Amino acid sequence: MEEEAKMAPISYRTQMIGKIRNYKRDLEQINKTLKRGGEYTPSGSDNYGFDRDDRLAASQRSKLFKGTQSLNRTSESLARTHQIAAETDQIGVEIIDELGQQREQLVRTKERGNDQ
């Protein structure tokens, strides 16, 4: 894994190497704890009184909240897009009406010129 991390694109490399270091440290700690016959708890992962299920539920709530926020932003964007489309449609109708009036004026002017 370490060799692959070293060959990874620079944008991922630092993060991957850091994770590998953490994994190695945890593995060393597991080995030391197992040799002493104790129970392993990962370093740096203080549960703050929460068990794995609580952390998982909190993570899922966080993902759901972020998804809801994204959905709300998208809905607002769609509403703005619909509003702009309606305004553009109205402007198009007004332009068509105005062009029709101008056409009628041009036809009348041409007919008056032919009458003389």
N, C-alpha and C. Protein backbone atom coordinates (compact mmCIF):
# COMPACT_ATOMS: atom_id res chain seq x y z
N MET A 1 0.82 -1.19 0.00
CA MET A 1 0.00 0.00 0.00
C MET A 1 0.87 1.26 0.00
N GLU A 2 1.95 1.17 0.75
CA GLU A 2 2.81 2.34 0.86
C GLU A 2 3.43 2.70 -0.49
N GLU A 3 3.82 1.70 -1.25
CA GLU A 3 4.39 1.95 -2.57
C GLU A 3 3.35 2.58 -3.50
N GLU A 4 2.11 2.09 -3.43
CA GLU A 4 1.05 2.66 -4.25
C GLU A 4 0.77 4.09 -3.86
N ALA A 5 0.82 4.37 -2.56
CA ALA A 5 0.58 5.73 -2.08
C ALA A 5 1.66 6.68 -2.59
N LYS A 6 2.89 6.19 -2.62
CA LYS A 6 4.00 7.03 -3.10
C LYS A 6 3.87 7.33 -4.60
N MET A 7 3.18 6.45 -5.33
CA MET A 7 3.02 6.64 -6.77
C MET A 7 1.71 7.33 -7.12
N ALA A 8 0.88 7.59 -6.13
CA ALA A 8 -0.42 8.21 -6.36
C ALA A 8 -0.25 9.67 -6.76
N PRO A 9 -1.26 10.25 -7.41
CA PRO A 9 -1.20 11.67 -7.76
C PRO A 9 -0.98 12.51 -6.50
N ILE A 10 -0.27 13.60 -6.65
CA ILE A 10 0.13 14.44 -5.52
C ILE A 10 -1.06 14.87 -4.68
N SER A 11 -2.22 15.07 -5.31
CA SER A 11 -3.39 15.54 -4.56
C SER A 11 -3.87 14.50 -3.55
N TYR A 12 -3.58 13.22 -3.77
CA TYR A 12 -4.01 12.16 -2.87
C TYR A 12 -2.86 11.63 -2.01
N ARG A 13 -1.64 11.83 -2.45
CA ARG A 13 -0.47 11.20 -1.85
C ARG A 13 -0.34 11.51 -0.36
N THR A 14 -0.39 12.77 0.02
CA THR A 14 -0.19 13.15 1.41
C THR A 14 -1.23 12.50 2.31
N GLN A 15 -2.47 12.55 1.88
CA GLN A 15 -3.56 11.97 2.68
C GLN A 15 -3.36 10.46 2.82
N MET A 16 -3.00 9.79 1.74
CA MET A 16 -2.84 8.34 1.77
C MET A 16 -1.66 7.94 2.67
N ILE A 17 -0.56 8.65 2.57
CA ILE A 17 0.61 8.32 3.39
C ILE A 17 0.29 8.56 4.87
N GLY A 18 -0.45 9.60 5.17
CA GLY A 18 -0.85 9.85 6.55
C GLY A 18 -1.72 8.73 7.10
N LYS A 19 -2.65 8.24 6.29
CA LYS A 19 -3.50 7.14 6.73
C LYS A 19 -2.66 5.88 6.97
N ILE A 20 -1.69 5.63 6.11
CA ILE A 20 -0.84 4.45 6.27
C ILE A 20 -0.06 4.54 7.58
N ARG A 21 0.47 5.74 7.88
CA ARG A 21 1.18 5.93 9.15
C ARG A 21 0.26 5.63 10.33
N ASN A 22 -0.97 6.12 10.26
CA ASN A 22 -1.92 5.87 11.35
C ASN A 22 -2.23 4.37 11.47
N TYR A 23 -2.39 3.69 10.33
CA TYR A 23 -2.65 2.26 10.36
C TYR A 23 -1.47 1.50 10.99
N LYS A 24 -0.25 1.90 10.62
CA LYS A 24 0.93 1.24 11.18
C LYS A 24 0.99 1.45 12.70
N ARG A 25 0.72 2.68 13.12
CA ARG A 25 0.75 2.98 14.55
C ARG A 25 -0.31 2.16 15.29
N ASP A 26 -1.52 2.09 14.72
CA ASP A 26 -2.57 1.29 15.35
C ASP A 26 -2.19 -0.19 15.39
N LEU A 27 -1.58 -0.68 14.32
CA LEU A 27 -1.16 -2.08 14.27
C LEU A 27 -0.10 -2.37 15.34
N GLU A 28 0.86 -1.46 15.49
CA GLU A 28 1.88 -1.63 16.53
C GLU A 28 1.24 -1.65 17.92
N GLN A 29 0.29 -0.78 18.12
CA GLN A 29 -0.38 -0.71 19.42
C GLN A 29 -1.19 -1.98 19.67
N ILE A 30 -1.84 -2.50 18.64
CA ILE A 30 -2.59 -3.75 18.77
C ILE A 30 -1.65 -4.89 19.16
N ASN A 31 -0.52 -4.96 18.47
CA ASN A 31 0.44 -6.02 18.76
C ASN A 31 0.95 -5.92 20.19
N LYS A 32 1.28 -4.72 20.64
CA LYS A 32 1.76 -4.54 22.01
C LYS A 32 0.68 -4.95 23.02
N THR A 33 -0.54 -4.52 22.75
CA THR A 33 -1.64 -4.82 23.67
C THR A 33 -1.92 -6.33 23.71
N LEU A 34 -1.88 -6.97 22.55
CA LEU A 34 -2.14 -8.41 22.50
C LEU A 34 -1.05 -9.19 23.22
N LYS A 35 0.19 -8.73 23.12
CA LYS A 35 1.29 -9.40 23.81
C LYS A 35 1.11 -9.31 25.32
N ARG A 36 0.52 -8.19 25.79
CA ARG A 36 0.28 -8.03 27.22
C ARG A 36 -1.01 -8.72 27.64
N GLY A 37 -1.83 -9.12 26.67
CA GLY A 37 -3.06 -9.82 26.99
C GLY A 37 -4.21 -8.88 27.33
N GLY A 38 -4.10 -7.63 26.95
CA GLY A 38 -5.13 -6.65 27.25
C GLY A 38 -6.11 -6.50 26.11
N GLU A 39 -7.05 -5.58 26.30
CA GLU A 39 -8.06 -5.29 25.27
C GLU A 39 -7.62 -4.06 24.50
N TYR A 40 -7.71 -4.12 23.21
CA TYR A 40 -7.25 -3.01 22.35
C TYR A 40 -8.33 -1.95 22.18
N THR A 41 -7.92 -0.68 22.34
CA THR A 41 -8.77 0.45 21.95
C THR A 41 -7.90 1.37 21.13
N PRO A 42 -8.30 1.74 19.91
CA PRO A 42 -7.46 2.53 19.02
C PRO A 42 -7.08 3.87 19.63
N SER A 43 -5.83 4.27 19.42
CA SER A 43 -5.40 5.58 19.91
C SER A 43 -6.01 6.67 19.05
N GLY A 44 -6.28 7.78 19.66
CA GLY A 44 -6.82 8.91 18.92
C GLY A 44 -8.26 8.76 18.52
N SER A 45 -8.91 7.70 18.99
CA SER A 45 -10.32 7.54 18.62
C SER A 45 -11.16 7.53 19.89
N ASP A 46 -11.11 8.60 20.62
CA ASP A 46 -11.92 8.73 21.83
C ASP A 46 -13.39 8.73 21.44
N ASN A 47 -14.15 7.87 22.01
CA ASN A 47 -15.55 7.74 21.64
C ASN A 47 -16.42 8.80 22.31
N TYR A 48 -15.86 9.53 23.25
CA TYR A 48 -16.62 10.56 23.97
C TYR A 48 -17.92 9.98 24.53
N GLY A 49 -17.86 8.75 25.02
CA GLY A 49 -19.03 8.14 25.62
C GLY A 49 -19.98 7.48 24.63
N PHE A 50 -19.63 7.45 23.36
CA PHE A 50 -20.51 6.86 22.34
C PHE A 50 -19.95 5.52 21.91
N ASP A 51 -20.81 4.57 21.71
CA ASP A 51 -20.35 3.30 21.16
C ASP A 51 -20.41 3.36 19.64
N ARG A 52 -20.01 2.28 19.00
CA ARG A 52 -19.92 2.25 17.53
C ARG A 52 -21.27 2.55 16.88
N ASP A 53 -22.36 1.99 17.42
CA ASP A 53 -23.69 2.22 16.83
C ASP A 53 -24.08 3.69 16.90
N ASP A 54 -23.76 4.33 18.04
CA ASP A 54 -24.07 5.76 18.17
C ASP A 54 -23.29 6.59 17.17
N ARG A 55 -22.01 6.26 17.00
CA ARG A 55 -21.19 6.99 16.03
C ARG A 55 -21.71 6.78 14.62
N LEU A 56 -22.11 5.53 14.32
CA LEU A 56 -22.65 5.22 13.00
C LEU A 56 -23.94 5.99 12.75
N ALA A 57 -24.81 6.03 13.74
CA ALA A 57 -26.08 6.77 13.60
C ALA A 57 -25.81 8.26 13.42
N ALA A 58 -24.84 8.80 14.16
CA ALA A 58 -24.50 10.22 14.03
C ALA A 58 -23.93 10.50 12.64
N SER A 59 -23.13 9.57 12.15
CA SER A 59 -22.56 9.73 10.81
C SER A 59 -23.67 9.71 9.75
N GLN A 60 -24.61 8.79 9.93
CA GLN A 60 -25.72 8.70 8.97
C GLN A 60 -26.59 9.95 9.03
N ARG A 61 -26.83 10.47 10.25
CA ARG A 61 -27.61 11.72 10.37
C ARG A 61 -26.88 12.87 9.69
N SER A 62 -25.57 12.91 9.87
CA SER A 62 -24.77 13.96 9.25
C SER A 62 -24.87 13.88 7.73
N LYS A 63 -24.76 12.67 7.18
CA LYS A 63 -24.87 12.48 5.73
C LYS A 63 -26.26 12.86 5.24
N LEU A 64 -27.28 12.47 6.01
CA LEU A 64 -28.65 12.81 5.65
C LEU A 64 -28.86 14.32 5.66
N PHE A 65 -28.32 14.99 6.68
CA PHE A 65 -28.44 16.44 6.77
C PHE A 65 -27.75 17.12 5.58
N LYS A 66 -26.55 16.66 5.25
CA LYS A 66 -25.83 17.23 4.10
C LYS A 66 -26.59 16.98 2.81
N GLY A 67 -27.16 15.78 2.67
CA GLY A 67 -27.95 15.46 1.48
C GLY A 67 -29.18 16.35 1.39
N THR A 68 -29.82 16.59 2.53
CA THR A 68 -31.01 17.44 2.56
C THR A 68 -30.64 18.88 2.18
N GLN A 69 -29.51 19.36 2.71
CA GLN A 69 -29.06 20.70 2.35
C GLN A 69 -28.81 20.80 0.85
N SER A 70 -28.16 19.80 0.30
CA SER A 70 -27.87 19.79 -1.13
C SER A 70 -29.17 19.77 -1.94
N LEU A 71 -30.13 18.96 -1.50
CA LEU A 71 -31.42 18.90 -2.17
C LEU A 71 -32.14 20.25 -2.11
N ASN A 72 -32.08 20.90 -0.96
CA ASN A 72 -32.71 22.22 -0.82
C ASN A 72 -32.06 23.25 -1.75
N ARG A 73 -30.72 23.23 -1.81
CA ARG A 73 -30.03 24.17 -2.71
C ARG A 73 -30.42 23.90 -4.16
N THR A 74 -30.50 22.64 -4.52
CA THR A 74 -30.88 22.28 -5.89
C THR A 74 -32.31 22.71 -6.19
N SER A 75 -33.21 22.52 -5.23
CA SER A 75 -34.61 22.93 -5.41
C SER A 75 -34.71 24.44 -5.59
N GLU A 76 -33.95 25.19 -4.78
CA GLU A 76 -33.96 26.64 -4.92
C GLU A 76 -33.41 27.06 -6.28
N SER A 77 -32.37 26.39 -6.73
CA SER A 77 -31.79 26.68 -8.03
C SER A 77 -32.79 26.39 -9.15
N LEU A 78 -33.50 25.29 -9.04
CA LEU A 78 -34.52 24.95 -10.04
C LEU A 78 -35.65 25.98 -10.04
N ALA A 79 -36.04 26.43 -8.85
CA ALA A 79 -37.10 27.45 -8.77
C ALA A 79 -36.65 28.73 -9.45
N ARG A 80 -35.39 29.13 -9.22
CA ARG A 80 -34.87 30.34 -9.89
C ARG A 80 -34.82 30.13 -11.40
N THR A 81 -34.43 28.95 -11.84
CA THR A 81 -34.36 28.64 -13.26
C THR A 81 -35.75 28.71 -13.89
N HIS A 82 -36.76 28.16 -13.22
CA HIS A 82 -38.14 28.22 -13.72
C HIS A 82 -38.61 29.67 -13.81
N GLN A 83 -38.26 30.48 -12.81
CA GLN A 83 -38.65 31.89 -12.81
C GLN A 83 -38.02 32.62 -14.00
N ILE A 84 -36.75 32.36 -14.23
CA ILE A 84 -36.05 32.99 -15.35
C ILE A 84 -36.67 32.54 -16.67
N ALA A 85 -36.99 31.25 -16.78
CA ALA A 85 -37.61 30.74 -18.01
C ALA A 85 -38.96 31.41 -18.25
N ALA A 86 -39.75 31.59 -17.19
CA ALA A 86 -41.06 32.24 -17.33
C ALA A 86 -40.89 33.69 -17.77
N GLU A 87 -39.92 34.38 -17.17
CA GLU A 87 -39.67 35.78 -17.56
C GLU A 87 -39.20 35.86 -19.01
N THR A 88 -38.33 34.95 -19.41
CA THR A 88 -37.84 34.93 -20.79
C THR A 88 -38.98 34.65 -21.76
N ASP A 89 -39.85 33.74 -21.40
CA ASP A 89 -41.02 33.43 -22.23
C ASP A 89 -41.89 34.67 -22.39
N GLN A 90 -42.13 35.39 -21.30
CA GLN A 90 -42.96 36.60 -21.35
C GLN A 90 -42.31 37.66 -22.25
N ILE A 91 -41.02 37.82 -22.12
CA ILE A 91 -40.31 38.79 -22.98
C ILE A 91 -40.45 38.39 -24.44
N GLY A 92 -40.32 37.08 -24.72
CA GLY A 92 -40.47 36.59 -26.10
C GLY A 92 -41.85 36.89 -26.65
N VAL A 93 -42.89 36.70 -25.85
CA VAL A 93 -44.26 36.98 -26.28
C VAL A 93 -44.41 38.48 -26.59
N GLU A 94 -43.85 39.32 -25.72
CA GLU A 94 -43.95 40.77 -25.93
C GLU A 94 -43.22 41.19 -27.22
N ILE A 95 -42.06 40.58 -27.48
CA ILE A 95 -41.30 40.90 -28.70
C ILE A 95 -42.09 40.47 -29.93
N ILE A 96 -42.69 39.29 -29.89
CA ILE A 96 -43.49 38.81 -31.02
C ILE A 96 -44.66 39.76 -31.28
N ASP A 97 -45.33 40.20 -30.20
CA ASP A 97 -46.44 41.14 -30.35
C ASP A 97 -45.97 42.45 -31.00
N GLU A 98 -44.83 42.94 -30.52
CA GLU A 98 -44.30 44.20 -31.05
C GLU A 98 -43.91 44.05 -32.52
N LEU A 99 -43.29 42.93 -32.86
CA LEU A 99 -42.92 42.70 -34.25
C LEU A 99 -44.17 42.60 -35.14
N GLY A 100 -45.23 41.99 -34.62
CA GLY A 100 -46.48 41.91 -35.37
C GLY A 100 -47.05 43.30 -35.64
N GLN A 101 -47.00 44.16 -34.63
CA GLN A 101 -47.49 45.53 -34.80
C GLN A 101 -46.64 46.28 -35.81
N GLN A 102 -45.33 46.11 -35.75
CA GLN A 102 -44.44 46.77 -36.70
C GLN A 102 -44.71 46.27 -38.12
N ARG A 103 -44.97 44.98 -38.26
CA ARG A 103 -45.28 44.42 -39.58
C ARG A 103 -46.54 45.06 -40.14
N GLU A 104 -47.58 45.17 -39.30
CA GLU A 104 -48.83 45.80 -39.74
C GLU A 104 -48.58 47.23 -40.18
N GLN A 105 -47.76 47.96 -39.45
CA GLN A 105 -47.45 49.34 -39.81
C GLN A 105 -46.73 49.39 -41.16
N LEU A 106 -45.78 48.47 -41.35
CA LEU A 106 -45.04 48.45 -42.62
C LEU A 106 -45.97 48.10 -43.78
N VAL A 107 -46.88 47.17 -43.59
CA VAL A 107 -47.82 46.79 -44.65
C VAL A 107 -48.71 47.98 -44.99
N ARG A 108 -49.22 48.68 -43.97
CA ARG A 108 -50.07 49.86 -44.22
C ARG A 108 -49.29 50.95 -44.93
N THR A 109 -48.04 51.15 -44.53
CA THR A 109 -47.23 52.19 -45.17
C THR A 109 -46.98 51.83 -46.63
N LYS A 110 -46.71 50.56 -46.89
CA LYS A 110 -46.49 50.11 -48.26
C LYS A 110 -47.75 50.29 -49.09
N GLU A 111 -48.92 49.95 -48.54
CA GLU A 111 -50.20 50.10 -49.27
C GLU A 111 -50.48 51.56 -49.57
N ARG A 112 -50.16 52.44 -48.65
CA ARG A 112 -50.37 53.88 -48.89
C ARG A 112 -49.44 54.36 -50.00
N GLY A 113 -48.21 53.82 -50.03
CA GLY A 113 -47.27 54.22 -51.08
C GLY A 113 -47.71 53.72 -52.45
N ASN A 114 -48.35 52.56 -52.50
CA ASN A 114 -48.83 52.01 -53.76
C ASN A 114 -50.09 52.76 -54.26
N ASP A 115 -50.88 53.29 -53.32
CA ASP A 115 -52.09 54.01 -53.67
C ASP A 115 -51.78 55.35 -54.34
N GLN A 116 -50.70 55.91 -54.09
CA GLN A 116 -50.42 57.25 -54.60
C GLN A 116 -49.89 57.24 -55.97
